[in-house]
Structure formats: structure tokens, C-alpha cells
Amino acid sequence: MRPAKHIMPIVALLFFLLIARQIYPYTTPFNSRVIEEGFVIEQVASGFGGPTCMEWVDQTHLMMCDRDGGRIIVLDSAMTTFQAQL
């Protein structure tokens, strides 16, 4: 049995998985309109390429990682932004 015969399907599968991994974040519904009672969806900022993580620094500052922009953004309660390029 020739090992080269099986290499092409394996390479094609790996290529497909890599492409699917890059496309997946853009195909899932981000803002489900089903929310629990007592909560409200409110847009406070826009224009981010690919936010990947959010963490509250303190009571008023929210830190966000922007994958596509390669930056870390800090949003404060006054709706001003501070950016740090990576």
C-alpha cells in the first residue's frame, strides 16, 4: 500500500478544518433576542472587529480584547474609550 495515496485526503481535511475554524465565529448568532426577565440588551459601543473577551476591571471600567483590530480597549461608564495597540 502506498502512503502517498492517503496524504491528499488528510491534507484536504486539515485545510477544511482550518477554514471552518476561521469562519465559525461569524456564522453563529451573537445577539439572541431571548433574554431573562429583568435584563435588557443595550448597545453601548460599536465598530469592533472581533471582540473575544470582556472583563470588568472595577465597578466602572470594562476591558475588551479586539481580535481583528489587535488591540485591548477599556470602556468606562462615561462611554469614553481608551485603546492599547498590541
PDB file of N, CA and C in Angstrom:
ATOM      1  N   MET A   1       0.846  -1.178   0.000  1.00  0.00           N
ATOM      2  CA  MET A   1       0.000   0.000   0.000  1.00  0.00           C
ATOM      3  C   MET A   1       0.894   1.245   0.000  1.00  0.00           C
ATOM      4  N   ARG A   2       0.559   2.189  -0.821  1.00  0.00           N
ATOM      5  CA  ARG A   2       1.345   3.409  -0.960  1.00  0.00           C
ATOM      6  C   ARG A   2       0.858   4.465   0.025  1.00  0.00           C
ATOM      7  N   PRO A   3       1.749   4.994   0.888  1.00  0.00           N
ATOM      8  CA  PRO A   3       1.322   6.012   1.849  1.00  0.00           C
ATOM      9  C   PRO A   3       0.952   7.338   1.189  1.00  0.00           C
ATOM     10  N   ALA A   4       1.514   7.650   0.037  1.00  0.00           N
ATOM     11  CA  ALA A   4       1.220   8.916  -0.637  1.00  0.00           C
ATOM     12  C   ALA A   4      -0.242   8.994  -1.082  1.00  0.00           C
ATOM     13  N   LYS A   5      -0.868   7.850  -1.262  1.00  0.00           N
ATOM     14  CA  LYS A   5      -2.261   7.807  -1.695  1.00  0.00           C
ATOM     15  C   LYS A   5      -3.194   8.388  -0.636  1.00  0.00           C
ATOM     16  N   HIS A   6      -2.819   8.283   0.632  1.00  0.00           N
ATOM     17  CA  HIS A   6      -3.679   8.741   1.721  1.00  0.00           C
ATOM     18  C   HIS A   6      -3.335  10.141   2.217  1.00  0.00           C
ATOM     19  N   ILE A   7      -2.291  10.734   1.722  1.00  0.00           N
ATOM     20  CA  ILE A   7      -1.875  12.052   2.195  1.00  0.00           C
ATOM     21  C   ILE A   7      -2.824  13.147   1.726  1.00  0.00           C
ATOM     22  N   MET A   8      -3.258  13.099   0.484  1.00  0.00           N
ATOM     23  CA  MET A   8      -4.112  14.157  -0.071  1.00  0.00           C
ATOM     24  C   MET A   8      -5.443  14.304   0.684  1.00  0.00           C
ATOM     25  N   PRO A   9      -6.163  13.214   0.996  1.00  0.00           N
ATOM     26  CA  PRO A   9      -7.394  13.390   1.779  1.00  0.00           C
ATOM     27  C   PRO A   9      -7.132  13.950   3.176  1.00  0.00           C
ATOM     28  N   ILE A  10      -6.025  13.584   3.786  1.00  0.00           N
ATOM     29  CA  ILE A  10      -5.699  14.107   5.113  1.00  0.00           C
ATOM     30  C   ILE A  10      -5.401  15.594   5.037  1.00  0.00           C
ATOM     31  N   VAL A  11      -4.646  16.015   4.043  1.00  0.00           N
ATOM     32  CA  VAL A  11      -4.332  17.428   3.854  1.00  0.00           C
ATOM     33  C   VAL A  11      -5.612  18.216   3.580  1.00  0.00           C
ATOM     34  N   ALA A  12      -6.494  17.667   2.751  1.00  0.00           N
ATOM     35  CA  ALA A  12      -7.760  18.344   2.440  1.00  0.00           C
ATOM     36  C   ALA A  12      -8.622  18.488   3.697  1.00  0.00           C
ATOM     37  N   LEU A  13      -8.663  17.453   4.541  1.00  0.00           N
ATOM     38  CA  LEU A  13      -9.435  17.517   5.775  1.00  0.00           C
ATOM     39  C   LEU A  13      -8.869  18.569   6.720  1.00  0.00           C
ATOM     40  N   LEU A  14      -7.569  18.614   6.889  1.00  0.00           N
ATOM     41  CA  LEU A  14      -6.950  19.621   7.744  1.00  0.00           C
ATOM     42  C   LEU A  14      -7.204  21.032   7.229  1.00  0.00           C
ATOM     43  N   PHE A  15      -7.123  21.224   5.921  1.00  0.00           N
ATOM     44  CA  PHE A  15      -7.402  22.533   5.322  1.00  0.00           C
ATOM     45  C   PHE A  15      -8.847  22.946   5.589  1.00  0.00           C
ATOM     46  N   PHE A  16      -9.776  22.020   5.405  1.00  0.00           N
ATOM     47  CA  PHE A  16     -11.188  22.308   5.661  1.00  0.00           C
ATOM     48  C   PHE A  16     -11.417  22.685   7.120  1.00  0.00           C
ATOM     49  N   LEU A  17     -10.800  21.959   8.049  1.00  0.00           N
ATOM     50  CA  LEU A  17     -10.965  22.260   9.471  1.00  0.00           C
ATOM     51  C   LEU A  17     -10.399  23.629   9.832  1.00  0.00           C
ATOM     52  N   LEU A  18      -9.279  24.001   9.234  1.00  0.00           N
ATOM     53  CA  LEU A  18      -8.716  25.325   9.490  1.00  0.00           C
ATOM     54  C   LEU A  18      -9.624  26.434   8.966  1.00  0.00           C
ATOM     55  N   ILE A  19     -10.162  26.254   7.779  1.00  0.00           N
ATOM     56  CA  ILE A  19     -11.084  27.245   7.206  1.00  0.00           C
ATOM     57  C   ILE A  19     -12.358  27.331   8.045  1.00  0.00           C
ATOM     58  N   ALA A  20     -12.902  26.182   8.450  1.00  0.00           N
ATOM     59  CA  ALA A  20     -14.123  26.171   9.266  1.00  0.00           C
ATOM     60  C   ALA A  20     -13.888  26.876  10.607  1.00  0.00           C
ATOM     61  N   ARG A  21     -12.715  26.705  11.177  1.00  0.00           N
ATOM     62  CA  ARG A  21     -12.394  27.362  12.454  1.00  0.00           C
ATOM     63  C   ARG A  21     -12.359  28.879  12.299  1.00  0.00           C
ATOM     64  N   GLN A  22     -11.917  29.375  11.160  1.00  0.00           N
ATOM     65  CA  GLN A  22     -11.859  30.815  10.936  1.00  0.00           C
ATOM     66  C   GLN A  22     -13.236  31.404  10.644  1.00  0.00           C
ATOM     67  N   ILE A  23     -14.111  30.649  10.022  1.00  0.00           N
ATOM     68  CA  ILE A  23     -15.432  31.140   9.627  1.00  0.00           C
ATOM     69  C   ILE A  23     -16.445  31.021  10.764  1.00  0.00           C
ATOM     70  N   TYR A  24     -16.307  30.036  11.638  1.00  0.00           N
ATOM     71  CA  TYR A  24     -17.307  29.735  12.660  1.00  0.00           C
ATOM     72  C   TYR A  24     -17.735  30.932  13.515  1.00  0.00           C
ATOM     73  N   PRO A  25     -16.811  31.772  14.024  1.00  0.00           N
ATOM     74  CA  PRO A  25     -17.273  32.889  14.870  1.00  0.00           C
ATOM     75  C   PRO A  25     -18.220  33.852  14.161  1.00  0.00           C
ATOM     76  N   TYR A  26     -18.171  33.911  12.848  1.00  0.00           N
ATOM     77  CA  TYR A  26     -19.017  34.852  12.097  1.00  0.00           C
ATOM     78  C   TYR A  26     -20.342  34.241  11.674  1.00  0.00           C
ATOM     79  N   THR A  27     -20.541  32.949  11.923  1.00  0.00           N
ATOM     80  CA  THR A  27     -21.774  32.304  11.491  1.00  0.00           C
ATOM     81  C   THR A  27     -22.755  32.061  12.625  1.00  0.00           C
ATOM     82  N   THR A  28     -22.325  32.184  13.875  1.00  0.00           N
ATOM     83  CA  THR A  28     -23.226  31.931  14.994  1.00  0.00           C
ATOM     84  C   THR A  28     -23.989  33.210  15.346  1.00  0.00           C
ATOM     85  N   PRO A  29     -25.217  33.070  15.808  1.00  0.00           N
ATOM     86  CA  PRO A  29     -25.968  34.266  16.201  1.00  0.00           C
ATOM     87  C   PRO A  29     -25.404  34.854  17.488  1.00  0.00           C
ATOM     88  N   PHE A  30     -24.929  36.103  17.421  1.00  0.00           N
ATOM     89  CA  PHE A  30     -24.311  36.732  18.578  1.00  0.00           C
ATOM     90  C   PHE A  30     -25.333  37.281  19.556  1.00  0.00           C
ATOM     91  N   ASN A  31     -26.364  37.889  19.053  1.00  0.00           N
ATOM     92  CA  ASN A  31     -27.331  38.552  19.924  1.00  0.00           C
ATOM     93  C   ASN A  31     -28.667  37.830  19.856  1.00  0.00           C
ATOM     94  N   SER A  32     -28.816  36.855  20.703  1.00  0.00           N
ATOM     95  CA  SER A  32     -30.091  36.161  20.786  1.00  0.00           C
ATOM     96  C   SER A  32     -31.105  37.104  21.438  1.00  0.00           C
ATOM     97  N   ARG A  33     -32.264  37.197  20.891  1.00  0.00           N
ATOM     98  CA  ARG A  33     -33.288  38.103  21.424  1.00  0.00           C
ATOM     99  C   ARG A  33     -34.027  37.483  22.612  1.00  0.00           C
ATOM    100  N   VAL A  34     -33.677  36.278  23.005  1.00  0.00           N
ATOM    101  CA  VAL A  34     -34.296  35.639  24.153  1.00  0.00           C
ATOM    102  C   VAL A  34     -33.461  36.004  25.382  1.00  0.00           C
ATOM    103  N   ILE A  35     -34.020  36.828  26.244  1.00  0.00           N
ATOM    104  CA  ILE A  35     -33.324  37.232  27.465  1.00  0.00           C
ATOM    105  C   ILE A  35     -34.220  36.962  28.663  1.00  0.00           C
ATOM    106  N   GLU A  36     -33.586  36.802  29.802  1.00  0.00           N
ATOM    107  CA  GLU A  36     -34.345  36.534  31.017  1.00  0.00           C
ATOM    108  C   GLU A  36     -35.061  37.788  31.493  1.00  0.00           C
ATOM    109  N   GLU A  37     -36.109  37.582  32.255  1.00  0.00           N
ATOM    110  CA  GLU A  37     -36.893  38.691  32.790  1.00  0.00           C
ATOM    111  C   GLU A  37     -36.020  39.522  33.732  1.00  0.00           C
ATOM    112  N   GLY A  38     -36.104  40.831  33.579  1.00  0.00           N
ATOM    113  CA  GLY A  38     -35.323  41.728  34.422  1.00  0.00           C
ATOM    114  C   GLY A  38     -34.036  42.210  33.778  1.00  0.00           C
ATOM    115  N   PHE A  39     -33.678  41.631  32.624  1.00  0.00           N
ATOM    116  CA  PHE A  39     -32.465  42.052  31.917  1.00  0.00           C
ATOM    117  C   PHE A  39     -32.838  42.761  30.628  1.00  0.00           C
ATOM    118  N   VAL A  40     -31.983  43.691  30.193  1.00  0.00           N
ATOM    119  CA  VAL A  40     -32.219  44.471  28.985  1.00  0.00           C
ATOM    120  C   VAL A  40     -30.945  44.456  28.149  1.00  0.00           C
ATOM    121  N   ILE A  41     -31.085  44.319  26.827  1.00  0.00           N
ATOM    122  CA  ILE A  41     -29.952  44.426  25.924  1.00  0.00           C
ATOM    123  C   ILE A  41     -29.837  45.880  25.494  1.00  0.00           C
ATOM    124  N   GLU A  42     -28.680  46.468  25.723  1.00  0.00           N
ATOM    125  CA  GLU A  42     -28.444  47.856  25.359  1.00  0.00           C
ATOM    126  C   GLU A  42     -27.082  47.963  24.680  1.00  0.00           C
ATOM    127  N   GLN A  43     -27.040  48.521  23.480  1.00  0.00           N
ATOM    128  CA  GLN A  43     -25.773  48.697  22.771  1.00  0.00           C
ATOM    129  C   GLN A  43     -25.105  49.969  23.277  1.00  0.00           C
ATOM    130  N   VAL A  44     -23.895  49.827  23.799  1.00  0.00           N
ATOM    131  CA  VAL A  44     -23.185  50.973  24.345  1.00  0.00           C
ATOM    132  C   VAL A  44     -21.974  51.354  23.504  1.00  0.00           C
ATOM    133  N   ALA A  45     -21.535  50.474  22.602  1.00  0.00           N
ATOM    134  CA  ALA A  45     -20.390  50.767  21.741  1.00  0.00           C
ATOM    135  C   ALA A  45     -20.504  49.914  20.490  1.00  0.00           C
ATOM    136  N   SER A  46     -19.824  50.327  19.430  1.00  0.00           N
ATOM    137  CA  SER A  46     -19.838  49.571  18.177  1.00  0.00           C
ATOM    138  C   SER A  46     -18.520  49.801  17.452  1.00  0.00           C
ATOM    139  N   GLY A  47     -18.359  49.101  16.330  1.00  0.00           N
ATOM    140  CA  GLY A  47     -17.175  49.286  15.500  1.00  0.00           C
ATOM    141  C   GLY A  47     -16.011  48.397  15.865  1.00  0.00           C
ATOM    142  N   PHE A  48     -16.273  47.324  16.604  1.00  0.00           N
ATOM    143  CA  PHE A  48     -15.202  46.404  16.966  1.00  0.00           C
ATOM    144  C   PHE A  48     -15.170  45.265  15.964  1.00  0.00           C
ATOM    145  N   GLY A  49     -13.974  44.874  15.561  1.00  0.00           N
ATOM    146  CA  GLY A  49     -13.839  43.828  14.554  1.00  0.00           C
ATOM    147  C   GLY A  49     -14.211  42.444  15.049  1.00  0.00           C
ATOM    148  N   GLY A  50     -13.603  42.007  16.121  1.00  0.00           N
ATOM    149  CA  GLY A  50     -13.858  40.672  16.646  1.00  0.00           C
ATOM    150  C   GLY A  50     -13.584  40.604  18.126  1.00  0.00           C
ATOM    151  N   PRO A  51     -14.513  41.120  18.947  1.00  0.00           N
ATOM    152  CA  PRO A  51     -14.286  41.054  20.388  1.00  0.00           C
ATOM    153  C   PRO A  51     -14.239  39.604  20.852  1.00  0.00           C
ATOM    154  N   THR A  52     -13.205  39.257  21.612  1.00  0.00           N
ATOM    155  CA  THR A  52     -13.043  37.872  22.037  1.00  0.00           C
ATOM    156  C   THR A  52     -13.208  37.679  23.530  1.00  0.00           C
ATOM    157  N   CYS A  53     -12.928  38.678  24.332  1.00  0.00           N
ATOM    158  CA  CYS A  53     -13.080  38.523  25.779  1.00  0.00           C
ATOM    159  C   CYS A  53     -13.448  39.873  26.391  1.00  0.00           C
ATOM    160  N   MET A  54     -14.145  39.816  27.506  1.00  0.00           N
ATOM    161  CA  MET A  54     -14.513  41.020  28.249  1.00  0.00           C
ATOM    162  C   MET A  54     -14.313  40.735  29.725  1.00  0.00           C
ATOM    163  N   GLU A  55     -13.782  41.698  30.438  1.00  0.00           N
ATOM    164  CA  GLU A  55     -13.537  41.526  31.869  1.00  0.00           C
ATOM    165  C   GLU A  55     -13.704  42.866  32.562  1.00  0.00           C
ATOM    166  N   TRP A  56     -14.467  42.881  33.659  1.00  0.00           N
ATOM    167  CA  TRP A  56     -14.620  44.103  34.436  1.00  0.00           C
ATOM    168  C   TRP A  56     -13.354  44.321  35.240  1.00  0.00           C
ATOM    169  N   VAL A  57     -12.742  45.496  35.098  1.00  0.00           N
ATOM    170  CA  VAL A  57     -11.548  45.854  35.851  1.00  0.00           C
ATOM    171  C   VAL A  57     -11.955  46.315  37.244  1.00  0.00           C
ATOM    172  N   ASP A  58     -12.965  47.152  37.301  1.00  0.00           N
ATOM    173  CA  ASP A  58     -13.548  47.606  38.561  1.00  0.00           C
ATOM    174  C   ASP A  58     -15.022  47.902  38.307  1.00  0.00           C
ATOM    175  N   GLN A  59     -15.645  48.683  39.144  1.00  0.00           N
ATOM    176  CA  GLN A  59     -17.082  48.968  39.020  1.00  0.00           C
ATOM    177  C   GLN A  59     -17.434  49.760  37.767  1.00  0.00           C
ATOM    178  N   THR A  60     -16.482  50.504  37.198  1.00  0.00           N
ATOM    179  CA  THR A  60     -16.810  51.403  36.096  1.00  0.00           C
ATOM    180  C   THR A  60     -16.048  51.123  34.803  1.00  0.00           C
ATOM    181  N   HIS A  61     -15.025  50.278  34.823  1.00  0.00           N
ATOM    182  CA  HIS A  61     -14.204  50.049  33.630  1.00  0.00           C
ATOM    183  C   HIS A  61     -14.320  48.611  33.133  1.00  0.00           C
ATOM    184  N   LEU A  62     -14.608  48.467  31.833  1.00  0.00           N
ATOM    185  CA  LEU A  62     -14.726  47.163  31.185  1.00  0.00           C
ATOM    186  C   LEU A  62     -13.595  47.031  30.169  1.00  0.00           C
ATOM    187  N   MET A  63     -12.775  45.992  30.292  1.00  0.00           N
ATOM    188  CA  MET A  63     -11.675  45.756  29.360  1.00  0.00           C
ATOM    189  C   MET A  63     -12.136  44.738  28.314  1.00  0.00           C
ATOM    190  N   MET A  64     -11.852  45.013  27.033  1.00  0.00           N
ATOM    191  CA  MET A  64     -12.268  44.146  25.951  1.00  0.00           C
ATOM    192  C   MET A  64     -11.103  43.894  25.001  1.00  0.00           C
ATOM    193  N   CYS A  65     -10.939  42.656  24.567  1.00  0.00           N
ATOM    194  CA  CYS A  65      -9.911  42.286  23.588  1.00  0.00           C
ATOM    195  C   CYS A  65     -10.551  42.283  22.209  1.00  0.00           C
ATOM    196  N   ASP A  66      -9.942  42.973  21.263  1.00  0.00           N
ATOM    197  CA  ASP A  66     -10.439  43.036  19.883  1.00  0.00           C
ATOM    198  C   ASP A  66      -9.473  42.251  19.005  1.00  0.00           C
ATOM    199  N   ARG A  67      -9.866  41.040  18.623  1.00  0.00           N
ATOM    200  CA  ARG A  67      -9.020  40.141  17.845  1.00  0.00           C
ATOM    201  C   ARG A  67      -8.643  40.726  16.487  1.00  0.00           C
ATOM    202  N   ASP A  68      -9.592  41.244  15.746  1.00  0.00           N
ATOM    203  CA  ASP A  68      -9.320  41.734  14.394  1.00  0.00           C
ATOM    204  C   ASP A  68      -8.523  43.029  14.397  1.00  0.00           C
ATOM    205  N   GLY A  69      -8.738  43.871  15.386  1.00  0.00           N
ATOM    206  CA  GLY A  69      -8.023  45.136  15.462  1.00  0.00           C
ATOM    207  C   GLY A  69      -6.682  45.016  16.159  1.00  0.00           C
ATOM    208  N   GLY A  70      -6.425  43.876  16.824  1.00  0.00           N
ATOM    209  CA  GLY A  70      -5.180  43.679  17.539  1.00  0.00           C
ATOM    210  C   GLY A  70      -4.986  44.682  18.654  1.00  0.00           C
ATOM    211  N   ARG A  71      -6.030  44.920  19.430  1.00  0.00           N
ATOM    212  CA  ARG A  71      -5.949  45.940  20.470  1.00  0.00           C
ATOM    213  C   ARG A  71      -6.741  45.517  21.702  1.00  0.00           C
ATOM    214  N   ILE A  72      -6.426  46.146  22.801  1.00  0.00           N
ATOM    215  CA  ILE A  72      -7.188  45.996  24.039  1.00  0.00           C
ATOM    216  C   ILE A  72      -7.863  47.330  24.307  1.00  0.00           C
ATOM    217  N   ILE A  73      -9.157  47.305  24.519  1.00  0.00           N
ATOM    218  CA  ILE A  73      -9.941  48.529  24.682  1.00  0.00           C
ATOM    219  C   ILE A  73     -10.528  48.550  26.083  1.00  0.00           C
ATOM    220  N   VAL A  74     -10.439  49.691  26.745  1.00  0.00           N
ATOM    221  CA  VAL A  74     -11.054  49.870  28.057  1.00  0.00           C
ATOM    222  C   VAL A  74     -12.201  50.855  27.896  1.00  0.00           C
ATOM    223  N   LEU A  75     -13.398  50.407  28.207  1.00  0.00           N
ATOM    224  CA  LEU A  75     -14.590  51.259  28.165  1.00  0.00           C
ATOM    225  C   LEU A  75     -14.925  51.650  29.600  1.00  0.00           C
ATOM    226  N   ASP A  76     -15.248  52.921  29.814  1.00  0.00           N
ATOM    227  CA  ASP A  76     -15.652  53.323  31.158  1.00  0.00           C
ATOM    228  C   ASP A  76     -17.123  53.719  31.167  1.00  0.00           C
ATOM    229  N   SER A  77     -17.657  53.988  32.324  1.00  0.00           N
ATOM    230  CA  SER A  77     -19.088  54.258  32.459  1.00  0.00           C
ATOM    231  C   SER A  77     -19.511  55.561  31.792  1.00  0.00           C
ATOM    232  N   ALA A  78     -18.564  56.441  31.487  1.00  0.00           N
ATOM    233  CA  ALA A  78     -18.885  57.693  30.801  1.00  0.00           C
ATOM    234  C   ALA A  78     -18.896  57.501  29.291  1.00  0.00           C
ATOM    235  N   MET A  79     -18.775  56.229  28.844  1.00  0.00           N
ATOM    236  CA  MET A  79     -18.784  55.855  27.422  1.00  0.00           C
ATOM    237  C   MET A  79     -17.599  56.427  26.649  1.00  0.00           C
ATOM    238  N   THR A  80     -16.495  56.680  27.310  1.00  0.00           N
ATOM    239  CA  THR A  80     -15.264  57.051  26.615  1.00  0.00           C
ATOM    240  C   THR A  80     -14.405  55.805  26.512  1.00  0.00           C
ATOM    241  N   THR A  81     -13.555  55.741  25.495  1.00  0.00           N
ATOM    242  CA  THR A  81     -12.737  54.558  25.281  1.00  0.00           C
ATOM    243  C   THR A  81     -11.256  54.922  25.338  1.00  0.00           C
ATOM    244  N   PHE A  82     -10.488  53.983  25.823  1.00  0.00           N
ATOM    245  CA  PHE A  82      -9.044  54.084  25.837  1.00  0.00           C
ATOM    246  C   PHE A  82      -8.525  52.836  25.137  1.00  0.00           C
ATOM    247  N   GLN A  83      -7.566  52.995  24.200  1.00  0.00           N
ATOM    248  CA  GLN A  83      -7.097  51.852  23.416  1.00  0.00           C
ATOM    249  C   GLN A  83      -5.616  51.627  23.625  1.00  0.00           C
ATOM    250  N   ALA A  84      -5.224  50.362  23.547  1.00  0.00           N
ATOM    251  CA  ALA A  84      -3.817  49.994  23.576  1.00  0.00           C
ATOM    252  C   ALA A  84      -3.578  49.032  22.438  1.00  0.00           C
ATOM    253  N   GLN A  85      -2.722  49.384  21.503  1.00  0.00           N
ATOM    254  CA  GLN A  85      -2.377  48.514  20.383  1.00  0.00           C
ATOM    255  C   GLN A  85      -1.472  47.397  20.857  1.00  0.00           C
ATOM    256  N   LEU A  86      -1.651  46.205  20.308  1.00  0.00           N
ATOM    257  CA  LEU A  86      -0.783  45.076  20.623  1.00  0.00           C
ATOM    258  C   LEU A  86       0.183  44.825  19.495  1.00  0.00           C
TER     259      LEU A  86
END
